Amino acid sequence: MTNPKIPEVWYVSMSVIGGPNLLTRPRYAGLLAQRLNASHQANQIITRYYTLLPDQLLLLIEVMKTSYHDWLEEFKHNTARDICKSLATDKDEDRRAWYEIFVNRDHKGEEVFWSKTESHQVSSRKQYEAFQGKMFNAPVKAGYVNDGGAYPYGMSEINRAGILYKEMEFPEDSRGV
């Protein structure tokens, strides 16, 4: 018997230029959550798994009503714009200075904010679970927690980032029910 086809799922890793301690701050986590949740509620994507590190967003998303590449470009553009606009007025002088000196030095902050984006289409349950494991262990590997399940900016009950998600269900899980 062949494996049933899984839906169009993508692993996405987006890193902030310079690696600042930024994305897990409530102001910026909220901006990311607003954009992800709007896409989720509009049925453009379903967030299946996420981990938000201080300088990196890791996602497993299922694409619904849009092309993956169109969604990603819009998401990157909108989140960079939202975050850069917020950074320009941040009350923390160090964050504002970092933004002005390091990110926006040539007035191209929105263009360079996401310094590195990687994505891979997920082709099997095994690959999905491997990416999920990598994401679960990312805060442990970075030294933030000893147990990925205790990390508040990931798929824990705490969900401090407020990102809507729906865990992945594979076709073989619903057989015989």
N, C-alpha and C. Protein backbone atom coordinates (compact mmCIF):
# COMPACT_ATOMS: atom_id res chain seq x y z
N MET A 1 0.84 -1.18 0.00
CA MET A 1 0.00 0.00 0.00
C MET A 1 0.89 1.25 0.00
N THR A 2 0.51 2.23 -0.80
CA THR A 2 1.31 3.45 -0.87
C THR A 2 0.88 4.42 0.23
N ASN A 3 1.80 5.31 0.56
CA ASN A 3 1.49 6.32 1.57
C ASN A 3 0.53 7.34 0.98
N PRO A 4 -0.50 7.71 1.73
CA PRO A 4 -1.39 8.75 1.22
C PRO A 4 -0.64 10.07 1.08
N LYS A 5 -1.05 10.85 0.11
CA LYS A 5 -0.40 12.14 -0.13
C LYS A 5 -0.73 13.10 1.01
N ILE A 6 0.28 13.80 1.48
CA ILE A 6 0.03 14.80 2.52
C ILE A 6 -0.28 16.13 1.84
N PRO A 7 -0.98 17.02 2.54
CA PRO A 7 -1.28 18.32 1.95
C PRO A 7 0.00 19.14 1.72
N GLU A 8 -0.15 20.30 1.10
CA GLU A 8 1.01 21.15 0.84
C GLU A 8 1.44 21.82 2.14
N VAL A 9 2.52 21.31 2.72
CA VAL A 9 3.04 21.80 3.99
C VAL A 9 4.47 22.28 3.75
N TRP A 10 4.82 23.40 4.40
CA TRP A 10 6.14 23.99 4.27
C TRP A 10 6.76 24.22 5.64
N TYR A 11 8.05 23.95 5.72
CA TYR A 11 8.86 24.35 6.87
C TYR A 11 9.50 25.67 6.50
N VAL A 12 9.37 26.66 7.39
CA VAL A 12 9.91 28.00 7.14
C VAL A 12 10.76 28.42 8.33
N SER A 13 11.93 28.95 8.04
CA SER A 13 12.81 29.52 9.05
C SER A 13 13.16 30.93 8.60
N MET A 14 12.82 31.92 9.44
CA MET A 14 13.10 33.31 9.13
C MET A 14 13.92 33.91 10.25
N SER A 15 15.09 34.46 9.92
CA SER A 15 15.99 35.03 10.93
C SER A 15 16.10 36.53 10.78
N VAL A 16 16.16 37.21 11.91
CA VAL A 16 16.31 38.67 11.94
C VAL A 16 17.78 39.03 11.77
N ILE A 17 18.04 40.07 11.01
CA ILE A 17 19.40 40.52 10.80
C ILE A 17 20.06 40.87 12.14
N GLY A 18 21.25 40.42 12.33
CA GLY A 18 22.01 40.76 13.53
C GLY A 18 21.70 39.95 14.76
N GLY A 19 20.70 39.09 14.72
CA GLY A 19 20.40 38.20 15.83
C GLY A 19 20.04 38.88 17.14
N PRO A 20 19.18 39.91 17.14
CA PRO A 20 18.85 40.59 18.40
C PRO A 20 17.87 39.79 19.25
N ASN A 21 17.76 40.17 20.49
CA ASN A 21 16.77 39.59 21.40
C ASN A 21 15.49 40.41 21.21
N LEU A 22 14.71 40.07 20.20
CA LEU A 22 13.62 40.95 19.79
C LEU A 22 12.27 40.26 19.67
N LEU A 23 12.19 39.15 18.94
CA LEU A 23 10.90 38.60 18.54
C LEU A 23 10.07 38.05 19.69
N THR A 24 10.68 37.68 20.79
CA THR A 24 9.90 37.18 21.92
C THR A 24 9.46 38.31 22.86
N ARG A 25 9.80 39.52 22.56
CA ARG A 25 9.29 40.65 23.33
C ARG A 25 7.81 40.80 22.95
N PRO A 26 6.92 41.02 23.91
CA PRO A 26 5.48 41.03 23.64
C PRO A 26 5.06 41.91 22.47
N ARG A 27 5.67 43.08 22.34
CA ARG A 27 5.32 44.01 21.27
C ARG A 27 5.53 43.37 19.89
N TYR A 28 6.64 42.67 19.72
CA TYR A 28 7.01 42.12 18.42
C TYR A 28 6.41 40.74 18.19
N ALA A 29 6.30 39.94 19.23
CA ALA A 29 5.61 38.65 19.12
C ALA A 29 4.16 38.90 18.73
N GLY A 30 3.58 39.96 19.29
CA GLY A 30 2.20 40.31 18.96
C GLY A 30 2.01 40.70 17.50
N LEU A 31 2.97 41.43 16.96
CA LEU A 31 2.90 41.80 15.54
C LEU A 31 2.97 40.57 14.64
N LEU A 32 3.87 39.64 14.97
CA LEU A 32 3.96 38.40 14.19
C LEU A 32 2.67 37.59 14.32
N ALA A 33 2.16 37.50 15.55
CA ALA A 33 0.93 36.74 15.78
C ALA A 33 -0.24 37.35 15.00
N GLN A 34 -0.33 38.68 14.97
CA GLN A 34 -1.42 39.33 14.23
C GLN A 34 -1.41 38.92 12.77
N ARG A 35 -0.22 38.95 12.15
CA ARG A 35 -0.12 38.61 10.73
C ARG A 35 -0.38 37.11 10.48
N LEU A 36 0.20 36.25 11.32
CA LEU A 36 -0.03 34.81 11.16
C LEU A 36 -1.50 34.47 11.41
N ASN A 37 -2.07 35.05 12.45
CA ASN A 37 -3.46 34.76 12.79
C ASN A 37 -4.42 35.26 11.70
N ALA A 38 -4.12 36.41 11.11
CA ALA A 38 -4.96 36.93 10.02
C ALA A 38 -4.91 35.97 8.83
N SER A 39 -3.72 35.48 8.50
CA SER A 39 -3.58 34.50 7.40
C SER A 39 -4.31 33.21 7.73
N HIS A 40 -4.22 32.79 8.97
CA HIS A 40 -4.88 31.57 9.45
C HIS A 40 -6.40 31.74 9.36
N GLN A 41 -6.91 32.87 9.86
CA GLN A 41 -8.35 33.12 9.86
C GLN A 41 -8.92 33.32 8.46
N ALA A 42 -8.11 33.82 7.55
CA ALA A 42 -8.54 34.00 6.16
C ALA A 42 -8.38 32.72 5.34
N ASN A 43 -7.97 31.65 5.99
CA ASN A 43 -7.76 30.35 5.34
C ASN A 43 -6.72 30.40 4.23
N GLN A 44 -5.76 31.33 4.34
CA GLN A 44 -4.64 31.33 3.40
C GLN A 44 -3.67 30.22 3.78
N ILE A 45 -3.44 30.11 5.07
CA ILE A 45 -2.55 29.08 5.61
C ILE A 45 -3.14 28.56 6.91
N ILE A 46 -2.66 27.41 7.33
CA ILE A 46 -2.93 26.91 8.68
C ILE A 46 -1.57 26.75 9.33
N THR A 47 -1.38 27.41 10.45
CA THR A 47 -0.15 27.21 11.20
C THR A 47 -0.28 25.86 11.89
N ARG A 48 0.60 24.94 11.55
CA ARG A 48 0.55 23.59 12.11
C ARG A 48 1.48 23.44 13.31
N TYR A 49 2.59 24.17 13.31
CA TYR A 49 3.55 24.10 14.41
C TYR A 49 4.41 25.34 14.32
N TYR A 50 4.79 25.88 15.45
CA TYR A 50 5.66 27.06 15.42
C TYR A 50 6.56 27.08 16.64
N THR A 51 7.68 27.75 16.48
CA THR A 51 8.58 28.09 17.57
C THR A 51 9.10 29.49 17.27
N LEU A 52 8.98 30.36 18.26
CA LEU A 52 9.44 31.73 18.12
C LEU A 52 10.62 31.92 19.06
N LEU A 53 11.79 32.10 18.48
CA LEU A 53 13.01 32.37 19.25
C LEU A 53 13.25 33.88 19.24
N PRO A 54 14.12 34.38 20.09
CA PRO A 54 14.35 35.84 20.13
C PRO A 54 14.78 36.44 18.79
N ASP A 55 15.41 35.66 17.93
CA ASP A 55 15.87 36.19 16.64
C ASP A 55 15.44 35.36 15.44
N GLN A 56 14.50 34.42 15.65
CA GLN A 56 14.14 33.52 14.56
C GLN A 56 12.69 33.04 14.73
N LEU A 57 11.97 32.95 13.62
CA LEU A 57 10.64 32.39 13.57
C LEU A 57 10.71 31.08 12.79
N LEU A 58 10.25 30.00 13.41
CA LEU A 58 10.21 28.69 12.77
C LEU A 58 8.75 28.28 12.63
N LEU A 59 8.36 27.86 11.44
CA LEU A 59 6.97 27.52 11.18
C LEU A 59 6.85 26.22 10.39
N LEU A 60 5.79 25.50 10.66
CA LEU A 60 5.29 24.47 9.76
C LEU A 60 3.90 24.94 9.39
N ILE A 61 3.68 25.25 8.13
CA ILE A 61 2.38 25.77 7.69
C ILE A 61 1.82 24.92 6.56
N GLU A 62 0.52 24.84 6.53
CA GLU A 62 -0.18 24.21 5.41
C GLU A 62 -0.79 25.32 4.59
N VAL A 63 -0.55 25.28 3.29
CA VAL A 63 -1.04 26.31 2.38
C VAL A 63 -2.47 25.94 1.96
N MET A 64 -3.35 26.94 1.99
CA MET A 64 -4.74 26.69 1.66
C MET A 64 -5.15 27.43 0.38
N LYS A 65 -5.46 28.74 0.50
CA LYS A 65 -6.07 29.50 -0.59
C LYS A 65 -5.11 30.36 -1.40
N THR A 66 -3.83 30.17 -1.23
CA THR A 66 -2.86 31.05 -1.90
C THR A 66 -1.64 30.21 -2.27
N SER A 67 -0.80 30.75 -3.10
CA SER A 67 0.44 30.03 -3.36
C SER A 67 1.39 30.30 -2.21
N TYR A 68 2.20 29.33 -1.90
CA TYR A 68 3.14 29.47 -0.80
C TYR A 68 4.04 30.69 -1.00
N HIS A 69 4.61 30.82 -2.18
CA HIS A 69 5.57 31.90 -2.44
C HIS A 69 4.91 33.28 -2.34
N ASP A 70 3.68 33.40 -2.83
CA ASP A 70 2.96 34.68 -2.70
C ASP A 70 2.70 34.99 -1.23
N TRP A 71 2.24 33.98 -0.47
CA TRP A 71 1.98 34.19 0.95
C TRP A 71 3.26 34.61 1.68
N LEU A 72 4.36 33.90 1.42
CA LEU A 72 5.61 34.18 2.12
C LEU A 72 6.10 35.59 1.83
N GLU A 73 6.09 35.99 0.57
CA GLU A 73 6.56 37.35 0.24
C GLU A 73 5.70 38.41 0.90
N GLU A 74 4.39 38.22 0.91
CA GLU A 74 3.50 39.18 1.57
C GLU A 74 3.74 39.19 3.08
N PHE A 75 3.89 38.02 3.67
CA PHE A 75 4.13 37.92 5.11
C PHE A 75 5.45 38.58 5.50
N LYS A 76 6.51 38.29 4.76
CA LYS A 76 7.81 38.90 5.04
C LYS A 76 7.73 40.42 4.93
N HIS A 77 7.13 40.90 3.85
CA HIS A 77 7.03 42.34 3.63
C HIS A 77 6.23 43.01 4.75
N ASN A 78 5.05 42.46 5.04
CA ASN A 78 4.17 43.08 6.04
C ASN A 78 4.76 43.03 7.45
N THR A 79 5.35 41.91 7.81
CA THR A 79 5.92 41.82 9.17
C THR A 79 7.16 42.70 9.29
N ALA A 80 7.98 42.77 8.25
CA ALA A 80 9.15 43.66 8.29
C ALA A 80 8.70 45.11 8.43
N ARG A 81 7.69 45.48 7.66
CA ARG A 81 7.17 46.85 7.74
C ARG A 81 6.61 47.15 9.13
N ASP A 82 5.79 46.24 9.65
CA ASP A 82 5.18 46.44 10.98
C ASP A 82 6.24 46.54 12.07
N ILE A 83 7.20 45.63 12.04
CA ILE A 83 8.22 45.59 13.09
C ILE A 83 9.16 46.79 12.97
N CYS A 84 9.57 47.13 11.77
CA CYS A 84 10.45 48.30 11.60
C CYS A 84 9.75 49.58 12.04
N LYS A 85 8.49 49.73 11.71
CA LYS A 85 7.73 50.91 12.14
C LYS A 85 7.67 50.96 13.67
N SER A 86 7.47 49.82 14.30
CA SER A 86 7.41 49.76 15.75
C SER A 86 8.79 50.02 16.38
N LEU A 87 9.83 49.48 15.76
CA LEU A 87 11.18 49.70 16.28
C LEU A 87 11.57 51.17 16.27
N ALA A 88 11.13 51.89 15.25
CA ALA A 88 11.47 53.31 15.14
C ALA A 88 10.92 54.12 16.30
N THR A 89 9.90 53.62 16.98
CA THR A 89 9.30 54.34 18.11
C THR A 89 9.43 53.56 19.42
N ASP A 90 10.24 52.53 19.43
CA ASP A 90 10.40 51.71 20.63
C ASP A 90 10.92 52.58 21.78
N LYS A 91 10.36 52.38 22.96
CA LYS A 91 10.79 53.17 24.13
C LYS A 91 12.17 52.76 24.62
N ASP A 92 12.60 51.55 24.26
CA ASP A 92 13.92 51.08 24.67
C ASP A 92 14.97 51.70 23.74
N GLU A 93 15.81 52.52 24.31
CA GLU A 93 16.80 53.26 23.53
C GLU A 93 17.77 52.33 22.80
N ASP A 94 18.16 51.23 23.43
CA ASP A 94 19.09 50.28 22.80
C ASP A 94 18.47 49.63 21.57
N ARG A 95 17.21 49.23 21.65
CA ARG A 95 16.55 48.63 20.48
C ARG A 95 16.39 49.65 19.38
N ARG A 96 15.99 50.86 19.72
CA ARG A 96 15.84 51.92 18.72
C ARG A 96 17.17 52.22 18.06
N ALA A 97 18.23 52.31 18.83
CA ALA A 97 19.57 52.58 18.28
C ALA A 97 20.03 51.43 17.40
N TRP A 98 19.80 50.18 17.86
CA TRP A 98 20.17 49.01 17.04
C TRP A 98 19.46 49.09 15.69
N TYR A 99 18.19 49.43 15.72
CA TYR A 99 17.43 49.53 14.48
C TYR A 99 18.00 50.62 13.57
N GLU A 100 18.22 51.79 14.11
CA GLU A 100 18.69 52.91 13.29
C GLU A 100 20.11 52.70 12.76
N ILE A 101 20.99 52.17 13.59
CA ILE A 101 22.39 52.02 13.20
C ILE A 101 22.64 50.76 12.37
N PHE A 102 22.06 49.66 12.81
CA PHE A 102 22.39 48.37 12.20
C PHE A 102 21.43 47.96 11.10
N VAL A 103 20.13 48.15 11.31
CA VAL A 103 19.13 47.67 10.35
C VAL A 103 18.81 48.73 9.30
N ASN A 104 18.52 49.93 9.75
CA ASN A 104 18.00 50.96 8.85
C ASN A 104 19.05 51.96 8.41
N ARG A 105 20.30 51.58 8.47
CA ARG A 105 21.38 52.55 8.21
C ARG A 105 21.32 53.13 6.81
N ASP A 106 20.86 52.39 5.82
CA ASP A 106 20.72 52.92 4.46
C ASP A 106 19.25 53.15 4.11
N HIS A 107 18.42 53.28 5.15
CA HIS A 107 16.97 53.46 4.99
C HIS A 107 16.36 52.31 4.20
N LYS A 108 16.87 51.11 4.47
CA LYS A 108 16.36 49.90 3.82
C LYS A 108 16.00 48.85 4.85
N GLY A 109 15.55 49.29 6.03
CA GLY A 109 15.25 48.38 7.12
C GLY A 109 14.28 47.28 6.75
N GLU A 110 13.21 47.65 6.05
CA GLU A 110 12.20 46.66 5.67
C GLU A 110 12.78 45.62 4.72
N GLU A 111 13.69 46.03 3.89
CA GLU A 111 14.28 45.11 2.91
C GLU A 111 15.25 44.13 3.54
N VAL A 112 15.95 44.55 4.59
CA VAL A 112 16.99 43.71 5.18
C VAL A 112 16.60 43.08 6.52
N PHE A 113 15.42 43.45 7.06
CA PHE A 113 15.05 42.98 8.39
C PHE A 113 15.15 41.46 8.50
N TRP A 114 14.49 40.75 7.61
CA TRP A 114 14.60 39.28 7.59
C TRP A 114 15.85 38.94 6.80
N SER A 115 16.95 38.68 7.49
CA SER A 115 18.24 38.51 6.82
C SER A 115 18.36 37.16 6.13
N LYS A 116 17.70 36.17 6.67
CA LYS A 116 17.85 34.83 6.09
C LYS A 116 16.51 34.11 6.20
N THR A 117 16.03 33.63 5.08
CA THR A 117 14.79 32.85 5.05
C THR A 117 15.08 31.55 4.32
N GLU A 118 14.73 30.47 4.98
CA GLU A 118 14.86 29.15 4.37
C GLU A 118 13.49 28.51 4.36
N SER A 119 13.21 27.74 3.34
CA SER A 119 11.96 26.99 3.33
C SER A 119 12.15 25.69 2.56
N HIS A 120 11.41 24.70 3.03
CA HIS A 120 11.45 23.37 2.41
C HIS A 120 10.04 22.82 2.39
N GLN A 121 9.63 22.33 1.23
CA GLN A 121 8.32 21.69 1.18
C GLN A 121 8.44 20.31 1.84
N VAL A 122 7.48 20.00 2.67
CA VAL A 122 7.47 18.74 3.41
C VAL A 122 6.81 17.68 2.55
N SER A 123 7.50 16.57 2.34
CA SER A 123 6.99 15.56 1.42
C SER A 123 6.50 14.28 2.10
N SER A 124 6.72 14.17 3.41
CA SER A 124 6.29 12.94 4.09
C SER A 124 6.06 13.22 5.57
N ARG A 125 5.37 12.30 6.19
CA ARG A 125 5.15 12.41 7.63
C ARG A 125 6.49 12.36 8.38
N LYS A 126 7.37 11.51 7.91
CA LYS A 126 8.68 11.37 8.55
C LYS A 126 9.43 12.71 8.50
N GLN A 127 9.40 13.37 7.36
CA GLN A 127 10.07 14.66 7.23
C GLN A 127 9.37 15.72 8.10
N TYR A 128 8.06 15.71 8.13
CA TYR A 128 7.31 16.64 8.98
C TYR A 128 7.73 16.46 10.43
N GLU A 129 7.76 15.24 10.90
CA GLU A 129 8.11 14.96 12.29
C GLU A 129 9.56 15.32 12.59
N ALA A 130 10.44 15.20 11.60
CA ALA A 130 11.83 15.61 11.79
C ALA A 130 11.93 17.13 11.97
N PHE A 131 11.21 17.89 11.13
CA PHE A 131 11.19 19.35 11.27
C PHE A 131 10.55 19.74 12.61
N GLN A 132 9.48 19.08 12.97
CA GLN A 132 8.80 19.35 14.23
C GLN A 132 9.75 19.11 15.41
N GLY A 133 10.49 18.03 15.37
CA GLY A 133 11.47 17.74 16.42
C GLY A 133 12.56 18.80 16.49
N LYS A 134 13.02 19.24 15.33
CA LYS A 134 14.04 20.29 15.27
C LYS A 134 13.51 21.58 15.90
N MET A 135 12.26 21.91 15.61
CA MET A 135 11.65 23.11 16.15
C MET A 135 11.42 22.99 17.66
N PHE A 136 10.97 21.83 18.10
CA PHE A 136 10.73 21.59 19.52
C PHE A 136 12.02 21.73 20.32
N ASN A 137 13.12 21.24 19.75
CA ASN A 137 14.41 21.26 20.45
C ASN A 137 15.21 22.54 20.24
N ALA A 138 14.78 23.43 19.35
CA ALA A 138 15.53 24.66 19.07
C ALA A 138 15.76 25.51 20.33
N PRO A 139 14.76 25.72 21.20
CA PRO A 139 15.03 26.52 22.40
C PRO A 139 15.96 25.81 23.39
N VAL A 140 15.96 24.48 23.38
CA VAL A 140 16.87 23.73 24.24
C VAL A 140 18.30 23.89 23.71
N LYS A 141 18.44 23.72 22.41
CA LYS A 141 19.76 23.84 21.76
C LYS A 141 20.34 25.25 21.96
N ALA A 142 19.46 26.26 21.96
CA ALA A 142 19.91 27.64 22.14
C ALA A 142 20.15 27.98 23.61
N GLY A 143 19.80 27.07 24.52
CA GLY A 143 20.05 27.29 25.94
C GLY A 143 18.98 28.08 26.68
N TYR A 144 17.79 28.23 26.11
CA TYR A 144 16.73 28.98 26.77
C TYR A 144 15.98 28.17 27.82
N VAL A 145 15.83 26.87 27.57
CA VAL A 145 15.13 25.96 28.49
C VAL A 145 15.80 24.60 28.45
N ASN A 146 15.48 23.77 29.43
CA ASN A 146 15.99 22.39 29.44
C ASN A 146 15.04 21.42 28.78
N ASP A 147 13.78 21.84 28.57
CA ASP A 147 12.75 20.99 27.98
C ASP A 147 11.96 21.84 27.00
N GLY A 148 11.93 21.44 25.74
CA GLY A 148 11.20 22.20 24.72
C GLY A 148 9.73 22.39 25.05
N GLY A 149 9.13 21.46 25.78
CA GLY A 149 7.72 21.57 26.15
C GLY A 149 7.46 22.69 27.14
N ALA A 150 8.49 23.18 27.80
CA ALA A 150 8.34 24.25 28.77
C ALA A 150 8.60 25.63 28.15
N TYR A 151 8.96 25.67 26.89
CA TYR A 151 9.28 26.95 26.25
C TYR A 151 7.98 27.70 25.94
N PRO A 152 7.79 28.92 26.47
CA PRO A 152 6.51 29.61 26.34
C PRO A 152 6.23 30.20 24.96
N TYR A 153 7.23 30.24 24.07
CA TYR A 153 7.02 30.78 22.73
C TYR A 153 7.03 29.68 21.68
N GLY A 154 6.45 28.57 22.03
CA GLY A 154 6.32 27.44 21.12
C GLY A 154 4.99 26.76 21.37
N MET A 155 4.93 25.53 21.00
CA MET A 155 3.68 24.79 21.07
C MET A 155 3.42 24.25 22.48
N SER A 156 3.48 25.11 23.45
CA SER A 156 3.16 24.72 24.82
C SER A 156 1.79 25.28 25.18
N GLU A 157 1.28 24.85 26.29
CA GLU A 157 -0.03 25.35 26.73
C GLU A 157 0.02 26.84 27.05
N ILE A 158 1.19 27.36 27.31
CA ILE A 158 1.33 28.77 27.66
C ILE A 158 1.03 29.65 26.44
N ASN A 159 1.58 29.32 25.28
CA ASN A 159 1.40 30.05 24.02
C ASN A 159 1.47 31.56 24.21
N ARG A 160 2.55 32.01 24.79
CA ARG A 160 2.73 33.42 25.10
C ARG A 160 2.68 34.30 23.84
N ALA A 161 3.05 33.77 22.71
CA ALA A 161 3.02 34.56 21.47
C ALA A 161 1.60 34.78 20.97
N GLY A 162 0.67 33.91 21.34
CA GLY A 162 -0.72 34.07 20.91
C GLY A 162 -0.96 33.67 19.47
N ILE A 163 -0.13 32.81 18.93
CA ILE A 163 -0.27 32.38 17.54
C ILE A 163 -1.29 31.25 17.47
N LEU A 164 -2.28 31.44 16.58
CA LEU A 164 -3.28 30.40 16.37
C LEU A 164 -2.63 29.23 15.63
N TYR A 165 -3.00 28.03 16.01
CA TYR A 165 -2.48 26.86 15.31
C TYR A 165 -3.47 25.72 15.40
N LYS A 166 -3.31 24.78 14.52
CA LYS A 166 -4.10 23.56 14.52
C LYS A 166 -3.12 22.45 14.19
N GLU A 167 -2.96 21.53 15.11
CA GLU A 167 -1.97 20.48 14.91
C GLU A 167 -2.29 19.64 13.68
N MET A 168 -1.25 19.15 13.05
CA MET A 168 -1.36 18.37 11.83
C MET A 168 -2.01 17.03 12.10
N GLU A 169 -2.93 16.66 11.22
CA GLU A 169 -3.51 15.33 11.23
C GLU A 169 -3.20 14.70 9.89
N PHE A 170 -2.62 13.53 9.94
CA PHE A 170 -2.24 12.83 8.72
C PHE A 170 -3.38 11.90 8.31
N PRO A 171 -3.56 11.68 6.99
CA PRO A 171 -4.66 10.82 6.54
C PRO A 171 -4.68 9.44 7.21
N GLU A 172 -3.52 8.87 7.44
CA GLU A 172 -3.48 7.53 8.05
C GLU A 172 -3.94 7.53 9.51
N ASP A 173 -3.94 8.69 10.16
CA ASP A 173 -4.41 8.77 11.55
C ASP A 173 -5.91 8.61 11.65
N SER A 174 -6.64 8.96 10.60
CA SER A 174 -8.10 8.91 10.66
C SER A 174 -8.66 7.60 10.09
N ARG A 175 -7.83 6.72 9.60
CA ARG A 175 -8.31 5.43 9.08
C ARG A 175 -8.84 4.57 10.20
N GLY A 176 -9.90 3.87 9.92
CA GLY A 176 -10.44 2.91 10.87
C GLY A 176 -11.17 3.56 12.04
N VAL A 177 -11.47 4.85 11.89
CA VAL A 177 -12.19 5.54 12.98
C VAL A 177 -13.66 5.47 12.74
